[in-house]
Amino acid sequence: MNRDEALAMLRGGPDGIAKWNEMRPKTPHLECAELDHAHLEHANLDRAELDGADLQAADLEDCHLVGASLQGVCLESANLREADLTNADLWGADLQRANLQGATLRGANLTGADLRQANLVGADLEGAKGVNLSGAITEE
């Protein structure tokens, strides 16, 4: 699967995501991908290389991003509710106003990540590195 085919599937709504999850033997390089406002609910993006991608206001609810590289990614106002970001690298990521309610961020690298007004209620941050909760929402 080449990059263009991968992006077409990821932009293809629930049917595209189902096809992506079924066909994904290897994660293509998706650095700097334009996926703002994309519907990526339940997508398996484990170990994806999404450095510098635009995922602003994307719906990533219950998405699997275990070990994903998300350095410098824009996730402003994205929905990451119940997403699994275990060991993900979110160095320098923009997570302002993102919904991370109930997300798993165990062992994630959040060094330099902007979490202002991000909803982290019920998020699991055990072992996460570089966490700065200044301005983040941590209680209901």
C-alpha atoms as a PDB file:
ATOM      1  CA  MET A   1       0.000   0.000   0.000  1.00  0.00           C
ATOM      2  CA  ASN A   2       1.471   3.360  -0.942  1.00  0.00           C
ATOM      3  CA  ARG A   3       1.036   6.634   0.953  1.00  0.00           C
ATOM      4  CA  ASP A   4      -1.789   7.952  -1.271  1.00  0.00           C
ATOM      5  CA  GLU A   5      -3.777   4.708  -0.944  1.00  0.00           C
ATOM      6  CA  ALA A   6      -3.286   4.766   2.821  1.00  0.00           C
ATOM      7  CA  LEU A   7      -4.473   8.371   3.118  1.00  0.00           C
ATOM      8  CA  ALA A   8      -7.509   7.654   0.907  1.00  0.00           C
ATOM      9  CA  MET A   9      -8.531   4.790   3.203  1.00  0.00           C
ATOM     10  CA  LEU A  10      -8.019   6.882   6.339  1.00  0.00           C
ATOM     11  CA  ARG A  11     -10.180   9.655   4.881  1.00  0.00           C
ATOM     12  CA  GLY A  12     -12.832   7.126   3.795  1.00  0.00           C
ATOM     13  CA  GLY A  13     -14.964   7.160   6.948  1.00  0.00           C
ATOM     14  CA  PRO A  14     -16.013   3.941   8.712  1.00  0.00           C
ATOM     15  CA  ASP A  15     -15.732   1.810   5.552  1.00  0.00           C
ATOM     16  CA  GLY A  16     -12.261   3.157   4.811  1.00  0.00           C
ATOM     17  CA  ILE A  17     -11.149   2.559   8.404  1.00  0.00           C
ATOM     18  CA  ALA A  18     -12.458  -1.017   8.308  1.00  0.00           C
ATOM     19  CA  LYS A  19     -10.521  -1.617   5.076  1.00  0.00           C
ATOM     20  CA  TRP A  20      -7.406   0.023   6.597  1.00  0.00           C
ATOM     21  CA  ASN A  21      -7.569  -2.173   9.704  1.00  0.00           C
ATOM     22  CA  GLU A  22      -8.018  -5.294   7.569  1.00  0.00           C
ATOM     23  CA  MET A  23      -5.250  -4.571   5.044  1.00  0.00           C
ATOM     24  CA  ARG A  24      -2.630  -2.973   7.262  1.00  0.00           C
ATOM     25  CA  PRO A  25       0.307  -5.404   7.387  1.00  0.00           C
ATOM     26  CA  LYS A  26       2.846  -2.570   7.530  1.00  0.00           C
ATOM     27  CA  THR A  27       2.354   1.059   8.447  1.00  0.00           C
ATOM     28  CA  PRO A  28       3.269   3.441   5.648  1.00  0.00           C
ATOM     29  CA  HIS A  29       5.070   6.658   6.420  1.00  0.00           C
ATOM     30  CA  LEU A  30       2.421   9.304   7.095  1.00  0.00           C
ATOM     31  CA  GLU A  31       4.658  12.165   8.198  1.00  0.00           C
ATOM     32  CA  CYS A  32       3.081  15.592   7.615  1.00  0.00           C
ATOM     33  CA  ALA A  33      -0.192  13.964   6.458  1.00  0.00           C
ATOM     34  CA  GLU A  34      -3.178  16.316   6.142  1.00  0.00           C
ATOM     35  CA  LEU A  35      -5.843  14.511   8.185  1.00  0.00           C
ATOM     36  CA  ASP A  36      -7.507  17.462   9.902  1.00  0.00           C
ATOM     37  CA  HIS A  37     -11.184  16.829  10.693  1.00  0.00           C
ATOM     38  CA  ALA A  38     -10.782  13.175   9.561  1.00  0.00           C
ATOM     39  CA  HIS A  39     -13.013  10.463  11.035  1.00  0.00           C
ATOM     40  CA  LEU A  40     -10.500   7.882  12.275  1.00  0.00           C
ATOM     41  CA  GLU A  41     -12.540   6.264  15.041  1.00  0.00           C
ATOM     42  CA  HIS A  42     -11.326   2.748  15.925  1.00  0.00           C
ATOM     43  CA  ALA A  43      -8.390   2.918  13.461  1.00  0.00           C
ATOM     44  CA  ASN A  44      -5.353   0.776  14.180  1.00  0.00           C
ATOM     45  CA  LEU A  45      -2.437   3.187  13.882  1.00  0.00           C
ATOM     46  CA  ASP A  46      -0.059   1.266  16.148  1.00  0.00           C
ATOM     47  CA  ARG A  47       3.560   2.226  15.422  1.00  0.00           C
ATOM     48  CA  ALA A  48       2.425   4.723  12.757  1.00  0.00           C
ATOM     49  CA  GLU A  49       4.903   7.420  11.801  1.00  0.00           C
ATOM     50  CA  LEU A  50       2.811  10.593  11.876  1.00  0.00           C
ATOM     51  CA  ASP A  51       5.442  13.188  12.812  1.00  0.00           C
ATOM     52  CA  GLY A  52       4.309  16.695  11.882  1.00  0.00           C
ATOM     53  CA  ALA A  53       0.868  15.499  10.721  1.00  0.00           C
ATOM     54  CA  ASP A  54      -2.177  17.771  10.870  1.00  0.00           C
ATOM     55  CA  LEU A  55      -4.860  15.968  12.876  1.00  0.00           C
ATOM     56  CA  GLN A  56      -6.574  19.112  14.117  1.00  0.00           C
ATOM     57  CA  ALA A  57     -10.172  18.374  15.150  1.00  0.00           C
ATOM     58  CA  ALA A  58      -9.821  14.769  13.923  1.00  0.00           C
ATOM     59  CA  ASP A  59     -11.978  12.096  15.549  1.00  0.00           C
ATOM     60  CA  LEU A  60      -9.617   9.438  16.906  1.00  0.00           C
ATOM     61  CA  GLU A  61     -11.979   7.987  19.503  1.00  0.00           C
ATOM     62  CA  ASP A  62     -10.917   4.494  20.599  1.00  0.00           C
ATOM     63  CA  CYS A  63      -8.016   4.667  18.135  1.00  0.00           C
ATOM     64  CA  HIS A  64      -4.962   2.448  18.659  1.00  0.00           C
ATOM     65  CA  LEU A  65      -1.753   4.506  18.551  1.00  0.00           C
ATOM     66  CA  VAL A  66       0.510   2.243  20.612  1.00  0.00           C
ATOM     67  CA  GLY A  67       4.150   3.148  20.010  1.00  0.00           C
ATOM     68  CA  ALA A  68       3.183   5.719  17.365  1.00  0.00           C
ATOM     69  CA  SER A  69       5.564   8.550  16.521  1.00  0.00           C
ATOM     70  CA  LEU A  70       3.586  11.784  16.809  1.00  0.00           C
ATOM     71  CA  GLN A  71       6.360  14.333  17.240  1.00  0.00           C
ATOM     72  CA  GLY A  72       5.199  17.879  16.552  1.00  0.00           C
ATOM     73  CA  VAL A  73       1.763  16.680  15.453  1.00  0.00           C
ATOM     74  CA  CYS A  74      -1.217  19.056  15.602  1.00  0.00           C
ATOM     75  CA  LEU A  75      -4.007  17.410  17.602  1.00  0.00           C
ATOM     76  CA  GLU A  76      -5.654  20.655  18.645  1.00  0.00           C
ATOM     77  CA  SER A  77      -9.347  20.059  19.437  1.00  0.00           C
ATOM     78  CA  ALA A  78      -9.009  16.392  18.392  1.00  0.00           C
ATOM     79  CA  ASN A  79     -11.159  13.701  20.001  1.00  0.00           C
ATOM     80  CA  LEU A  80      -8.879  11.039  21.506  1.00  0.00           C
ATOM     81  CA  ARG A  81     -11.418   9.730  24.003  1.00  0.00           C
ATOM     82  CA  GLU A  82     -10.504   6.173  25.096  1.00  0.00           C
ATOM     83  CA  ALA A  83      -7.564   6.132  22.623  1.00  0.00           C
ATOM     84  CA  ASP A  84      -4.575   3.921  23.427  1.00  0.00           C
ATOM     85  CA  LEU A  85      -1.382   5.984  23.198  1.00  0.00           C
ATOM     86  CA  THR A  86       0.784   3.624  25.248  1.00  0.00           C
ATOM     87  CA  ASN A  87       4.468   4.415  24.639  1.00  0.00           C
ATOM     88  CA  ALA A  88       3.568   6.960  21.939  1.00  0.00           C
ATOM     89  CA  ASP A  89       6.046   9.758  21.259  1.00  0.00           C
ATOM     90  CA  LEU A  90       4.123  13.046  21.492  1.00  0.00           C
ATOM     91  CA  TRP A  91       7.217  15.244  21.857  1.00  0.00           C
ATOM     92  CA  GLY A  92       6.224  18.844  21.067  1.00  0.00           C
ATOM     93  CA  ALA A  93       2.654  17.886  20.096  1.00  0.00           C
ATOM     94  CA  ASP A  94      -0.135  20.481  20.134  1.00  0.00           C
ATOM     95  CA  LEU A  95      -2.919  18.937  22.231  1.00  0.00           C
ATOM     96  CA  GLN A  96      -4.690  22.175  23.153  1.00  0.00           C
ATOM     97  CA  ARG A  97      -8.399  21.558  23.783  1.00  0.00           C
ATOM     98  CA  ALA A  98      -8.013  17.877  22.818  1.00  0.00           C
ATOM     99  CA  ASN A  99     -10.354  15.377  24.467  1.00  0.00           C
ATOM    100  CA  LEU A 100      -8.177  12.683  26.061  1.00  0.00           C
ATOM    101  CA  GLN A 101     -10.846  11.557  28.512  1.00  0.00           C
ATOM    102  CA  GLY A 102     -10.185   7.944  29.485  1.00  0.00           C
ATOM    103  CA  ALA A 103      -7.184   7.705  27.144  1.00  0.00           C
ATOM    104  CA  THR A 104      -4.212   5.494  27.965  1.00  0.00           C
ATOM    105  CA  LEU A 105      -0.906   7.377  27.865  1.00  0.00           C
ATOM    106  CA  ARG A 106       1.221   4.898  29.842  1.00  0.00           C
ATOM    107  CA  GLY A 107       4.893   5.443  29.114  1.00  0.00           C
ATOM    108  CA  ALA A 108       4.137   8.132  26.518  1.00  0.00           C
ATOM    109  CA  ASN A 109       6.632  10.925  25.894  1.00  0.00           C
ATOM    110  CA  LEU A 110       4.822  14.234  26.440  1.00  0.00           C
ATOM    111  CA  THR A 111       7.943  16.394  26.642  1.00  0.00           C
ATOM    112  CA  GLY A 112       7.117  19.847  25.305  1.00  0.00           C
ATOM    113  CA  ALA A 113       3.512  18.870  24.508  1.00  0.00           C
ATOM    114  CA  ASP A 114       0.943  21.656  24.904  1.00  0.00           C
ATOM    115  CA  LEU A 115      -1.914  20.318  27.042  1.00  0.00           C
ATOM    116  CA  ARG A 116      -3.635  23.619  27.802  1.00  0.00           C
ATOM    117  CA  GLN A 117      -7.401  23.099  28.112  1.00  0.00           C
ATOM    118  CA  ALA A 118      -6.998  19.426  27.157  1.00  0.00           C
ATOM    119  CA  ASN A 119      -9.499  17.127  28.891  1.00  0.00           C
ATOM    120  CA  LEU A 120      -7.487  14.467  30.734  1.00  0.00           C
ATOM    121  CA  VAL A 121     -10.256  13.324  33.094  1.00  0.00           C
ATOM    122  CA  GLY A 122      -9.752   9.613  33.713  1.00  0.00           C
ATOM    123  CA  ALA A 123      -6.654   9.435  31.507  1.00  0.00           C
ATOM    124  CA  ASP A 124      -3.942   6.952  32.522  1.00  0.00           C
ATOM    125  CA  LEU A 125      -0.597   8.795  32.627  1.00  0.00           C
ATOM    126  CA  GLU A 126       1.343   6.153  34.572  1.00  0.00           C
ATOM    127  CA  GLY A 127       5.001   6.284  33.581  1.00  0.00           C
ATOM    128  CA  ALA A 128       4.445   9.105  31.072  1.00  0.00           C
ATOM    129  CA  LYS A 129       7.478  11.344  30.604  1.00  0.00           C
ATOM    130  CA  GLY A 130       7.670  15.135  30.486  1.00  0.00           C
ATOM    131  CA  VAL A 131       4.061  15.680  31.564  1.00  0.00           C
ATOM    132  CA  ASN A 132       3.132  19.342  32.126  1.00  0.00           C
ATOM    133  CA  LEU A 133      -0.500  19.538  33.227  1.00  0.00           C
ATOM    134  CA  SER A 134      -0.473  23.336  33.491  1.00  0.00           C
ATOM    135  CA  GLY A 135      -3.846  24.506  32.199  1.00  0.00           C
ATOM    136  CA  ALA A 136      -5.102  20.964  31.534  1.00  0.00           C
ATOM    137  CA  ILE A 137      -8.483  19.729  32.785  1.00  0.00           C
ATOM    138  CA  THR A 138      -7.901  16.797  35.139  1.00  0.00           C
ATOM    139  CA  GLU A 139     -11.097  16.757  37.220  1.00  0.00           C
ATOM    140  CA  GLU A 140     -14.774  16.885  36.339  1.00  0.00           C
END
